[in-house]
Amino acid sequence: MLVLKKLQLLLLLSPIFWTVNYHSYGQSILHYSDSLNSRKLAAVIGVETIGTVGSLVALNELWYNQYQQTPFHFFNDNSEWLQMDKIGHSMTSYYIGYAGIEALKWSGLGDKQATWFGGGLGLVYLSGLELMDGFSEGWGFSMGDMLANAAGTVLVIGQGVAWNEQRIKLKFSAHYTAFADYRPSLLGTSGAERLLKDYNGQTYWLSLNIKSFLFKNTKFPGWLNLALGYGAEEMISGKDDPEMYCMNESWCDDLNRYRQWYLSVDVDLSKLKIKNRWIRMVFGTFGFIKLPAPALELSKNGLQLKPFYF
């Protein structure tokens, strides 16, 4: 399993992930070459190679070297966290691939070539992490993680091949919950840690651009998206074993993990007509975040309206 602390290091160390939304605004911020520019292509390949190898080496030094190395082995964590961690894998793979595609397009490489060569970057990168997991005590090579990584790659490449654009984007939102108080060592103590570690407050979204599926001349606003979300609650450990961490406290009896499904609206910030380049850059950088909006939630508690959900 790619544990969340390691995922945090990945996001901080990998410039590939963080360039995606900057590149997604490239038509208005950066100049995309009309034909192949060998210097740009060399720069892209160099940056991606250094970023990939450098961040993997850094993760090995900062994370894996703290744990005993073992012979290569597998690890089945498919039932943990109600698969919330798996969707996180898909999202990471999706955005790294998205960044790879846009960077190659910026160099002037053809759309199809950029999609196939750049879109697989996330799967290649995360496969390196899984291989390191396979030699690390306490984890192992997870086929579930690999399938999730592949799903993110299929999503980004499939849309690039079919439509030459990303009509459906993976997005993320998070809020604070009380569950982190029950096990702060795992779910976080500070505000930032809780947003990143506490799966109970996280929601992953498929944000669909409605206009892109309608007739070409429609006047439907291009920035308005339909968002389908997935979340889970009442989890204080990966497995369904809260009694192991409750010290016989009575509140444990009420914990019964469950899934949540959401329907909401979203805004595609890249479709907003904003003249200021710096505002566009900021919007692009945080384009993977699902904006707060009313939402319908379906769970074991029935159908509920959330007037303001994030």
C-alpha atoms as a PDB file:
ATOM      1  CA  MET A   1       0.000   0.000   0.000  1.00  0.00           C
ATOM      2  CA  LEU A   2       1.185   3.493  -0.788  1.00  0.00           C
ATOM      3  CA  VAL A   3       0.709   4.961   2.661  1.00  0.00           C
ATOM      4  CA  LEU A   4      -0.476   8.515   2.901  1.00  0.00           C
ATOM      5  CA  LYS A   5       2.699   9.956   4.407  1.00  0.00           C
ATOM      6  CA  LYS A   6       4.609   8.623   1.435  1.00  0.00           C
ATOM      7  CA  LEU A   7       2.010  10.090  -0.915  1.00  0.00           C
ATOM      8  CA  GLN A   8       2.526  13.468   0.740  1.00  0.00           C
ATOM      9  CA  LEU A   9       6.258  13.221   0.016  1.00  0.00           C
ATOM     10  CA  LEU A  10       5.466  12.230  -3.556  1.00  0.00           C
ATOM     11  CA  LEU A  11       3.328  15.291  -4.151  1.00  0.00           C
ATOM     12  CA  LEU A  12       5.895  17.596  -2.581  1.00  0.00           C
ATOM     13  CA  LEU A  13       8.916  16.130  -4.348  1.00  0.00           C
ATOM     14  CA  SER A  14       7.514  15.536  -7.824  1.00  0.00           C
ATOM     15  CA  PRO A  15       7.466  18.661  -9.999  1.00  0.00           C
ATOM     16  CA  ILE A  16       5.731  16.589 -12.646  1.00  0.00           C
ATOM     17  CA  PHE A  17       2.485  16.457 -10.654  1.00  0.00           C
ATOM     18  CA  TRP A  18       2.414  20.142  -9.837  1.00  0.00           C
ATOM     19  CA  THR A  19       3.045  21.328 -13.400  1.00  0.00           C
ATOM     20  CA  VAL A  20      -0.094  19.738 -14.817  1.00  0.00           C
ATOM     21  CA  ASN A  21      -2.549  22.524 -14.164  1.00  0.00           C
ATOM     22  CA  TYR A  22       0.018  25.142 -15.131  1.00  0.00           C
ATOM     23  CA  HIS A  23       0.352  23.396 -18.490  1.00  0.00           C
ATOM     24  CA  SER A  24      -3.413  22.999 -18.814  1.00  0.00           C
ATOM     25  CA  TYR A  25      -3.576  26.767 -19.130  1.00  0.00           C
ATOM     26  CA  GLY A  26      -0.696  26.729 -21.585  1.00  0.00           C
ATOM     27  CA  GLN A  27      -2.649  28.075 -24.538  1.00  0.00           C
ATOM     28  CA  SER A  28      -2.926  31.396 -22.734  1.00  0.00           C
ATOM     29  CA  ILE A  29       0.168  31.418 -20.484  1.00  0.00           C
ATOM     30  CA  LEU A  30       2.791  29.497 -22.453  1.00  0.00           C
ATOM     31  CA  HIS A  31       3.395  29.373 -26.175  1.00  0.00           C
ATOM     32  CA  TYR A  32       2.685  25.931 -27.601  1.00  0.00           C
ATOM     33  CA  SER A  33       4.841  25.201 -30.637  1.00  0.00           C
ATOM     34  CA  ASP A  34       2.980  24.591 -33.907  1.00  0.00           C
ATOM     35  CA  SER A  35       5.638  22.085 -34.981  1.00  0.00           C
ATOM     36  CA  LEU A  36       8.148  19.964 -33.149  1.00  0.00           C
ATOM     37  CA  ASN A  37      10.699  22.096 -31.315  1.00  0.00           C
ATOM     38  CA  SER A  38      13.684  19.869 -30.560  1.00  0.00           C
ATOM     39  CA  ARG A  39      14.987  22.161 -27.816  1.00  0.00           C
ATOM     40  CA  LYS A  40      11.658  22.186 -26.014  1.00  0.00           C
ATOM     41  CA  LEU A  41      11.333  18.434 -26.417  1.00  0.00           C
ATOM     42  CA  ALA A  42      14.806  17.906 -24.980  1.00  0.00           C
ATOM     43  CA  ALA A  43      13.947  20.223 -22.085  1.00  0.00           C
ATOM     44  CA  VAL A  44      10.718  18.346 -21.359  1.00  0.00           C
ATOM     45  CA  ILE A  45      12.430  14.956 -21.458  1.00  0.00           C
ATOM     46  CA  GLY A  46      15.253  16.263 -19.271  1.00  0.00           C
ATOM     47  CA  VAL A  47      12.971  17.828 -16.658  1.00  0.00           C
ATOM     48  CA  GLU A  48      10.702  14.786 -16.512  1.00  0.00           C
ATOM     49  CA  THR A  49      13.637  12.387 -16.260  1.00  0.00           C
ATOM     50  CA  ILE A  50      15.360  14.390 -13.540  1.00  0.00           C
ATOM     51  CA  GLY A  51      12.062  14.935 -11.705  1.00  0.00           C
ATOM     52  CA  THR A  52      11.117  11.268 -11.859  1.00  0.00           C
ATOM     53  CA  VAL A  53      14.499   9.799 -10.947  1.00  0.00           C
ATOM     54  CA  GLY A  54      15.297  12.536  -8.445  1.00  0.00           C
ATOM     55  CA  SER A  55      12.040  12.232  -6.524  1.00  0.00           C
ATOM     56  CA  LEU A  56      12.245   8.426  -6.449  1.00  0.00           C
ATOM     57  CA  VAL A  57      15.789   8.621  -5.093  1.00  0.00           C
ATOM     58  CA  ALA A  58      14.677  11.211  -2.532  1.00  0.00           C
ATOM     59  CA  LEU A  59      11.777   9.019  -1.428  1.00  0.00           C
ATOM     60  CA  ASN A  60      14.125   6.086  -1.068  1.00  0.00           C
ATOM     61  CA  GLU A  61      16.465   8.126   1.134  1.00  0.00           C
ATOM     62  CA  LEU A  62      13.776   9.901   3.182  1.00  0.00           C
ATOM     63  CA  TRP A  63      11.307   7.053   3.540  1.00  0.00           C
ATOM     64  CA  TYR A  64      12.359   3.544   2.534  1.00  0.00           C
ATOM     65  CA  ASN A  65      15.782   3.652   4.163  1.00  0.00           C
ATOM     66  CA  GLN A  66      14.039   3.993   7.533  1.00  0.00           C
ATOM     67  CA  TYR A  67      12.677   0.460   7.175  1.00  0.00           C
ATOM     68  CA  GLN A  68      14.254  -2.955   6.767  1.00  0.00           C
ATOM     69  CA  GLN A  69      14.589  -4.233   3.218  1.00  0.00           C
ATOM     70  CA  THR A  70      13.270  -7.723   2.441  1.00  0.00           C
ATOM     71  CA  PRO A  71      13.065 -10.046  -0.571  1.00  0.00           C
ATOM     72  CA  PHE A  72      10.436  -8.972  -3.085  1.00  0.00           C
ATOM     73  CA  HIS A  73       6.934  -9.856  -1.889  1.00  0.00           C
ATOM     74  CA  PHE A  74       3.274  -9.057  -2.537  1.00  0.00           C
ATOM     75  CA  PHE A  75       0.761  -7.414  -0.211  1.00  0.00           C
ATOM     76  CA  ASN A  76      -3.037  -7.507  -0.466  1.00  0.00           C
ATOM     77  CA  ASP A  77      -4.559  -4.303   0.903  1.00  0.00           C
ATOM     78  CA  ASN A  78      -7.564  -4.196  -1.408  1.00  0.00           C
ATOM     79  CA  SER A  79     -10.131  -4.157   1.401  1.00  0.00           C
ATOM     80  CA  GLU A  80      -8.550  -1.309   3.361  1.00  0.00           C
ATOM     81  CA  TRP A  81     -10.054   2.168   3.782  1.00  0.00           C
ATOM     82  CA  LEU A  82     -13.066   1.120   1.642  1.00  0.00           C
ATOM     83  CA  GLN A  83     -10.790   1.675  -1.380  1.00  0.00           C
ATOM     84  CA  MET A  84     -10.374   5.413  -0.733  1.00  0.00           C
ATOM     85  CA  ASP A  85      -6.597   5.006  -0.994  1.00  0.00           C
ATOM     86  CA  LYS A  86      -6.990   3.273  -4.349  1.00  0.00           C
ATOM     87  CA  ILE A  87      -8.853   6.235  -5.808  1.00  0.00           C
ATOM     88  CA  GLY A  88      -6.023   8.434  -4.557  1.00  0.00           C
ATOM     89  CA  HIS A  89      -3.646   6.286  -6.595  1.00  0.00           C
ATOM     90  CA  SER A  90      -5.812   6.727  -9.685  1.00  0.00           C
ATOM     91  CA  MET A  91      -5.914  10.488  -9.229  1.00  0.00           C
ATOM     92  CA  THR A  92      -2.143  10.756  -8.837  1.00  0.00           C
ATOM     93  CA  SER A  93      -1.540   8.608 -11.923  1.00  0.00           C
ATOM     94  CA  TYR A  94      -4.100  10.634 -13.871  1.00  0.00           C
ATOM     95  CA  TYR A  95      -2.525  14.014 -13.138  1.00  0.00           C
ATOM     96  CA  ILE A  96       1.053  12.931 -13.681  1.00  0.00           C
ATOM     97  CA  GLY A  97      -0.035  11.528 -17.049  1.00  0.00           C
ATOM     98  CA  TYR A  98      -1.963  14.706 -17.787  1.00  0.00           C
ATOM     99  CA  ALA A  99       1.153  16.745 -17.061  1.00  0.00           C
ATOM    100  CA  GLY A 100       3.204  14.505 -19.339  1.00  0.00           C
ATOM    101  CA  ILE A 101       0.752  14.948 -22.210  1.00  0.00           C
ATOM    102  CA  GLU A 102       0.561  18.728 -21.939  1.00  0.00           C
ATOM    103  CA  ALA A 103       4.326  19.100 -21.598  1.00  0.00           C
ATOM    104  CA  LEU A 104       4.910  17.115 -24.800  1.00  0.00           C
ATOM    105  CA  LYS A 105       2.216  19.082 -26.624  1.00  0.00           C
ATOM    106  CA  TRP A 106       3.965  22.273 -25.534  1.00  0.00           C
ATOM    107  CA  SER A 107       7.122  20.998 -27.232  1.00  0.00           C
ATOM    108  CA  GLY A 108       5.212  20.622 -30.501  1.00  0.00           C
ATOM    109  CA  LEU A 109       4.928  16.839 -30.500  1.00  0.00           C
ATOM    110  CA  GLY A 110       1.786  15.601 -32.257  1.00  0.00           C
ATOM    111  CA  ASP A 111      -1.341  15.168 -30.160  1.00  0.00           C
ATOM    112  CA  LYS A 112      -1.543  11.390 -30.524  1.00  0.00           C
ATOM    113  CA  GLN A 113       2.148  10.868 -29.796  1.00  0.00           C
ATOM    114  CA  ALA A 114       1.996  13.230 -26.827  1.00  0.00           C
ATOM    115  CA  THR A 115      -1.016  11.371 -25.471  1.00  0.00           C
ATOM    116  CA  TRP A 116       0.515   7.914 -25.719  1.00  0.00           C
ATOM    117  CA  PHE A 117       4.026   8.806 -24.561  1.00  0.00           C
ATOM    118  CA  GLY A 118       3.099  11.416 -21.968  1.00  0.00           C
ATOM    119  CA  GLY A 119      -0.059   9.803 -20.637  1.00  0.00           C
ATOM    120  CA  GLY A 120       1.777   6.711 -19.434  1.00  0.00           C
ATOM    121  CA  LEU A 121       4.154   8.712 -17.264  1.00  0.00           C
ATOM    122  CA  GLY A 122       1.987   8.325 -14.161  1.00  0.00           C
ATOM    123  CA  LEU A 123       1.862   4.548 -14.466  1.00  0.00           C
ATOM    124  CA  VAL A 124       5.626   4.345 -15.006  1.00  0.00           C
ATOM    125  CA  TYR A 125       6.342   6.636 -12.069  1.00  0.00           C
ATOM    126  CA  LEU A 126       4.022   4.933  -9.597  1.00  0.00           C
ATOM    127  CA  SER A 127       5.213   1.508 -10.733  1.00  0.00           C
ATOM    128  CA  GLY A 128       8.635   2.536  -9.446  1.00  0.00           C
ATOM    129  CA  LEU A 129       7.100   3.257  -6.061  1.00  0.00           C
ATOM    130  CA  GLU A 130       5.284  -0.072  -6.031  1.00  0.00           C
ATOM    131  CA  LEU A 131       8.525  -1.896  -6.798  1.00  0.00           C
ATOM    132  CA  MET A 132      10.162  -0.177  -3.833  1.00  0.00           C
ATOM    133  CA  ASP A 133       7.148  -1.179  -1.726  1.00  0.00           C
ATOM    134  CA  GLY A 134       7.749  -4.760  -2.803  1.00  0.00           C
ATOM    135  CA  PHE A 135      11.168  -4.783  -1.148  1.00  0.00           C
ATOM    136  CA  SER A 136      10.118  -2.924   2.008  1.00  0.00           C
ATOM    137  CA  GLU A 137       9.146  -4.621   5.273  1.00  0.00           C
ATOM    138  CA  GLY A 138       5.608  -3.795   6.345  1.00  0.00           C
ATOM    139  CA  TRP A 139       4.339  -3.266   2.820  1.00  0.00           C
ATOM    140  CA  GLY A 140       4.647  -5.131  -0.420  1.00  0.00           C
ATOM    141  CA  PHE A 141       3.831  -4.944  -4.090  1.00  0.00           C
ATOM    142  CA  SER A 142       0.074  -4.326  -4.247  1.00  0.00           C
ATOM    143  CA  MET A 143      -1.803  -5.491  -7.330  1.00  0.00           C
ATOM    144  CA  GLY A 144      -4.740  -3.361  -6.195  1.00  0.00           C
ATOM    145  CA  ASP A 145      -2.544  -0.279  -6.227  1.00  0.00           C
ATOM    146  CA  MET A 146      -1.250  -1.162  -9.679  1.00  0.00           C
ATOM    147  CA  LEU A 147      -4.775  -1.603 -11.048  1.00  0.00           C
ATOM    148  CA  ALA A 148      -5.722   1.772  -9.571  1.00  0.00           C
ATOM    149  CA  ASN A 149      -2.637   3.367 -11.130  1.00  0.00           C
ATOM    150  CA  ALA A 150      -3.551   1.819 -14.468  1.00  0.00           C
ATOM    151  CA  ALA A 151      -7.127   3.107 -14.173  1.00  0.00           C
ATOM    152  CA  GLY A 152      -5.890   6.693 -13.862  1.00  0.00           C
ATOM    153  CA  THR A 153      -3.651   6.207 -16.881  1.00  0.00           C
ATOM    154  CA  VAL A 154      -6.493   4.696 -18.931  1.00  0.00           C
ATOM    155  CA  LEU A 155      -8.718   7.658 -18.030  1.00  0.00           C
ATOM    156  CA  VAL A 156      -6.231  10.279 -19.189  1.00  0.00           C
ATOM    157  CA  ILE A 157      -5.027   8.444 -22.314  1.00  0.00           C
ATOM    158  CA  GLY A 158      -8.503   7.263 -23.294  1.00  0.00           C
ATOM    159  CA  GLN A 159      -9.898  10.785 -23.320  1.00  0.00           C
ATOM    160  CA  GLY A 160      -6.883  12.103 -25.171  1.00  0.00           C
ATOM    161  CA  VAL A 161      -7.277   9.498 -27.899  1.00  0.00           C
ATOM    162  CA  ALA A 162     -11.073   9.795 -28.135  1.00  0.00           C
ATOM    163  CA  TRP A 163     -11.549  13.557 -27.791  1.00  0.00           C
ATOM    164  CA  ASN A 164      -8.090  15.180 -27.658  1.00  0.00           C
ATOM    165  CA  GLU A 165      -9.197  16.837 -24.415  1.00  0.00           C
ATOM    166  CA  GLN A 166     -10.030  15.927 -20.830  1.00  0.00           C
ATOM    167  CA  ARG A 167     -13.798  16.159 -20.574  1.00  0.00           C
ATOM    168  CA  ILE A 168     -13.862  14.175 -17.330  1.00  0.00           C
ATOM    169  CA  LYS A 169     -11.380  15.159 -14.621  1.00  0.00           C
ATOM    170  CA  LEU A 170     -10.616  13.582 -11.284  1.00  0.00           C
ATOM    171  CA  LYS A 171     -10.935  16.087  -8.442  1.00  0.00           C
ATOM    172  CA  PHE A 172     -10.541  16.175  -4.680  1.00  0.00           C
ATOM    173  CA  SER A 173     -12.173  17.869  -1.706  1.00  0.00           C
ATOM    174  CA  ALA A 174     -11.717  17.498   2.047  1.00  0.00           C
ATOM    175  CA  HIS A 175     -13.103  18.693   5.358  1.00  0.00           C
ATOM    176  CA  TYR A 176     -12.343  18.099   9.031  1.00  0.00           C
ATOM    177  CA  THR A 177     -14.023  15.262  10.942  1.00  0.00           C
ATOM    178  CA  ALA A 178     -14.095  14.155  14.576  1.00  0.00           C
ATOM    179  CA  PHE A 179     -12.618  10.757  13.737  1.00  0.00           C
ATOM    180  CA  ALA A 180      -9.077  12.134  13.688  1.00  0.00           C
ATOM    181  CA  ASP A 181      -9.443  12.835  17.423  1.00  0.00           C
ATOM    182  CA  TYR A 182      -9.856   9.113  18.071  1.00  0.00           C
ATOM    183  CA  ARG A 183      -6.563   8.175  16.419  1.00  0.00           C
ATOM    184  CA  PRO A 184      -4.476  11.292  15.704  1.00  0.00           C
ATOM    185  CA  SER A 185      -1.268   9.307  15.201  1.00  0.00           C
ATOM    186  CA  LEU A 186      -2.720   7.891  11.983  1.00  0.00           C
ATOM    187  CA  LEU A 187      -5.351  10.431  10.949  1.00  0.00           C
ATOM    188  CA  GLY A 188      -3.396  13.584  11.765  1.00  0.00           C
ATOM    189  CA  THR A 189      -2.969  16.157  14.506  1.00  0.00           C
ATOM    190  CA  SER A 190      -2.517  19.505  12.759  1.00  0.00           C
ATOM    191  CA  GLY A 191      -5.066  20.975  10.384  1.00  0.00           C
ATOM    192  CA  ALA A 192      -3.043  20.249   7.255  1.00  0.00           C
ATOM    193  CA  GLU A 193      -2.268  16.691   8.370  1.00  0.00           C
ATOM    194  CA  ARG A 194      -5.927  15.924   9.007  1.00  0.00           C
ATOM    195  CA  LEU A 195      -6.960  17.125   5.566  1.00  0.00           C
ATOM    196  CA  LEU A 196      -4.364  14.859   3.963  1.00  0.00           C
ATOM    197  CA  LYS A 197      -4.526  11.822   6.246  1.00  0.00           C
ATOM    198  CA  ASP A 198      -8.135  11.538   7.390  1.00  0.00           C
ATOM    199  CA  TYR A 199      -9.969   9.594   4.693  1.00  0.00           C
ATOM    200  CA  ASN A 200     -13.248  10.192   6.549  1.00  0.00           C
ATOM    201  CA  GLY A 201     -13.263  13.801   5.397  1.00  0.00           C
ATOM    202  CA  GLN A 202     -12.038  13.224   1.849  1.00  0.00           C
ATOM    203  CA  THR A 203     -14.160  12.975  -1.279  1.00  0.00           C
ATOM    204  CA  TYR A 204     -12.958  12.054  -4.746  1.00  0.00           C
ATOM    205  CA  TRP A 205     -14.914  13.328  -7.718  1.00  0.00           C
ATOM    206  CA  LEU A 206     -15.424  12.723 -11.402  1.00  0.00           C
ATOM    207  CA  SER A 207     -16.078  16.213 -12.752  1.00  0.00           C
ATOM    208  CA  LEU A 208     -17.772  16.053 -16.161  1.00  0.00           C
ATOM    209  CA  ASN A 209     -17.792  19.073 -18.454  1.00  0.00           C
ATOM    210  CA  ILE A 210     -21.401  19.142 -19.634  1.00  0.00           C
ATOM    211  CA  LYS A 211     -20.968  21.406 -22.649  1.00  0.00           C
ATOM    212  CA  SER A 212     -18.351  19.147 -24.221  1.00  0.00           C
ATOM    213  CA  PHE A 213     -20.977  16.388 -24.505  1.00  0.00           C
ATOM    214  CA  LEU A 214     -23.637  18.650 -26.073  1.00  0.00           C
ATOM    215  CA  PHE A 215     -24.098  20.007 -29.581  1.00  0.00           C
ATOM    216  CA  LYS A 216     -21.269  22.199 -30.837  1.00  0.00           C
ATOM    217  CA  ASN A 217     -23.308  25.415 -31.046  1.00  0.00           C
ATOM    218  CA  THR A 218     -24.983  25.093 -27.657  1.00  0.00           C
ATOM    219  CA  LYS A 219     -25.043  28.151 -25.398  1.00  0.00           C
ATOM    220  CA  PHE A 220     -24.682  26.056 -22.268  1.00  0.00           C
ATOM    221  CA  PRO A 221     -21.958  27.584 -20.031  1.00  0.00           C
ATOM    222  CA  GLY A 222     -18.646  25.860 -20.658  1.00  0.00           C
ATOM    223  CA  TRP A 223     -17.465  26.311 -17.079  1.00  0.00           C
ATOM    224  CA  LEU A 224     -20.354  24.400 -15.444  1.00  0.00           C
ATOM    225  CA  ASN A 225     -19.630  20.750 -14.625  1.00  0.00           C
ATOM    226  CA  LEU A 226     -21.572  17.829 -13.185  1.00  0.00           C
ATOM    227  CA  ALA A 227     -19.684  16.123 -10.352  1.00  0.00           C
ATOM    228  CA  LEU A 228     -20.060  12.544  -9.100  1.00  0.00           C
ATOM    229  CA  GLY A 229     -18.336  11.897  -5.776  1.00  0.00           C
ATOM    230  CA  TYR A 230     -17.283   8.999  -3.569  1.00  0.00           C
ATOM    231  CA  GLY A 231     -16.358   9.028   0.109  1.00  0.00           C
ATOM    232  CA  ALA A 232     -16.419   6.889   3.255  1.00  0.00           C
ATOM    233  CA  GLU A 233     -16.765   7.462   6.999  1.00  0.00           C
ATOM    234  CA  GLU A 234     -16.374   5.948  10.467  1.00  0.00           C
ATOM    235  CA  MET A 235     -12.874   4.603   9.744  1.00  0.00           C
ATOM    236  CA  ILE A 236     -10.037   4.828  12.262  1.00  0.00           C
ATOM    237  CA  SER A 237      -7.891   2.122  10.653  1.00  0.00           C
ATOM    238  CA  GLY A 238      -7.409   0.578   7.256  1.00  0.00           C
ATOM    239  CA  LYS A 239      -9.213  -2.616   8.197  1.00  0.00           C
ATOM    240  CA  ASP A 240     -12.625  -3.078   9.780  1.00  0.00           C
ATOM    241  CA  ASP A 241     -11.173  -3.584  13.262  1.00  0.00           C
ATOM    242  CA  PRO A 242     -11.805  -0.413  15.321  1.00  0.00           C
ATOM    243  CA  GLU A 243     -11.908  -2.404  18.566  1.00  0.00           C
ATOM    244  CA  MET A 244      -8.131  -2.879  18.327  1.00  0.00           C
ATOM    245  CA  TYR A 245      -7.606   0.852  18.835  1.00  0.00           C
ATOM    246  CA  CYS A 246     -10.458   1.813  21.159  1.00  0.00           C
ATOM    247  CA  MET A 247      -9.213   0.499  24.509  1.00  0.00           C
ATOM    248  CA  ASN A 248     -12.734  -0.871  25.215  1.00  0.00           C
ATOM    249  CA  GLU A 249     -14.234   2.607  25.047  1.00  0.00           C
ATOM    250  CA  SER A 250     -17.977   2.705  24.442  1.00  0.00           C
ATOM    251  CA  TRP A 251     -17.837   4.942  21.366  1.00  0.00           C
ATOM    252  CA  CYS A 252     -16.264   2.037  19.468  1.00  0.00           C
ATOM    253  CA  ASP A 253     -19.615   0.259  19.443  1.00  0.00           C
ATOM    254  CA  ASP A 254     -21.033   2.984  17.215  1.00  0.00           C
ATOM    255  CA  LEU A 255     -18.347   2.745  14.525  1.00  0.00           C
ATOM    256  CA  ASN A 256     -19.597   0.991  11.404  1.00  0.00           C
ATOM    257  CA  ARG A 257     -17.730   2.114   8.306  1.00  0.00           C
ATOM    258  CA  TYR A 258     -19.831   2.935   5.288  1.00  0.00           C
ATOM    259  CA  ARG A 259     -19.630   4.373   1.769  1.00  0.00           C
ATOM    260  CA  GLN A 260     -21.039   7.685   0.540  1.00  0.00           C
ATOM    261  CA  TRP A 261     -22.057   8.681  -2.979  1.00  0.00           C
ATOM    262  CA  TYR A 262     -22.476  12.295  -4.049  1.00  0.00           C
ATOM    263  CA  LEU A 263     -24.081  14.300  -6.833  1.00  0.00           C
ATOM    264  CA  SER A 264     -23.088  17.946  -7.131  1.00  0.00           C
ATOM    265  CA  VAL A 265     -22.092  20.732  -9.497  1.00  0.00           C
ATOM    266  CA  ASP A 266     -18.580  22.015 -10.109  1.00  0.00           C
ATOM    267  CA  VAL A 267     -16.707  24.757 -11.926  1.00  0.00           C
ATOM    268  CA  ASP A 268     -14.055  24.090 -14.569  1.00  0.00           C
ATOM    269  CA  LEU A 269     -11.711  26.968 -13.797  1.00  0.00           C
ATOM    270  CA  SER A 270      -9.878  26.525 -17.098  1.00  0.00           C
ATOM    271  CA  LYS A 271     -13.073  27.497 -18.952  1.00  0.00           C
ATOM    272  CA  LEU A 272     -13.441  30.859 -17.216  1.00  0.00           C
ATOM    273  CA  LYS A 273     -12.477  33.829 -19.373  1.00  0.00           C
ATOM    274  CA  ILE A 274      -9.966  35.597 -17.149  1.00  0.00           C
ATOM    275  CA  LYS A 275      -7.512  38.078 -18.610  1.00  0.00           C
ATOM    276  CA  ASN A 276      -5.026  38.305 -15.740  1.00  0.00           C
ATOM    277  CA  ARG A 277      -2.336  35.688 -16.413  1.00  0.00           C
ATOM    278  CA  TRP A 278      -1.402  35.323 -12.742  1.00  0.00           C
ATOM    279  CA  ILE A 279      -4.980  34.637 -11.690  1.00  0.00           C
ATOM    280  CA  ARG A 280      -5.203  32.079 -14.486  1.00  0.00           C
ATOM    281  CA  MET A 281      -2.027  30.477 -13.203  1.00  0.00           C
ATOM    282  CA  VAL A 282      -3.400  30.285  -9.646  1.00  0.00           C
ATOM    283  CA  PHE A 283      -6.677  28.830 -10.891  1.00  0.00           C
ATOM    284  CA  GLY A 284      -4.739  26.333 -12.970  1.00  0.00           C
ATOM    285  CA  THR A 285      -2.561  25.258 -10.055  1.00  0.00           C
ATOM    286  CA  PHE A 286      -5.609  24.439  -7.930  1.00  0.00           C
ATOM    287  CA  GLY A 287      -7.769  23.119 -10.748  1.00  0.00           C
ATOM    288  CA  PHE A 288      -7.738  19.611  -9.248  1.00  0.00           C
ATOM    289  CA  ILE A 289      -9.807  20.795  -6.261  1.00  0.00           C
ATOM    290  CA  LYS A 290     -13.579  20.354  -6.354  1.00  0.00           C
ATOM    291  CA  LEU A 291     -15.131  23.671  -5.332  1.00  0.00           C
ATOM    292  CA  PRO A 292     -17.675  23.807  -2.481  1.00  0.00           C
ATOM    293  CA  ALA A 293     -21.281  23.524  -3.667  1.00  0.00           C
ATOM    294  CA  PRO A 294     -24.632  21.990  -2.702  1.00  0.00           C
ATOM    295  CA  ALA A 295     -24.609  18.194  -2.968  1.00  0.00           C
ATOM    296  CA  LEU A 296     -26.880  15.189  -2.608  1.00  0.00           C
ATOM    297  CA  GLU A 297     -25.424  12.394  -0.467  1.00  0.00           C
ATOM    298  CA  LEU A 298     -26.581   8.774  -0.667  1.00  0.00           C
ATOM    299  CA  SER A 299     -25.412   6.428   2.102  1.00  0.00           C
ATOM    300  CA  LYS A 300     -26.697   3.971   4.696  1.00  0.00           C
ATOM    301  CA  ASN A 301     -28.405   6.992   6.257  1.00  0.00           C
ATOM    302  CA  GLY A 302     -30.523   7.527   3.156  1.00  0.00           C
ATOM    303  CA  LEU A 303     -30.586  10.493   0.786  1.00  0.00           C
ATOM    304  CA  GLN A 304     -29.519  13.815   2.297  1.00  0.00           C
ATOM    305  CA  LEU A 305     -29.067  17.333   0.958  1.00  0.00           C
ATOM    306  CA  LYS A 306     -25.813  19.047   1.875  1.00  0.00           C
ATOM    307  CA  PRO A 307     -26.358  22.800   1.303  1.00  0.00           C
ATOM    308  CA  PHE A 308     -22.611  23.508   1.270  1.00  0.00           C
ATOM    309  CA  TYR A 309     -20.339  20.503   0.840  1.00  0.00           C
ATOM    310  CA  PHE A 310     -16.572  20.397   0.485  1.00  0.00           C
END
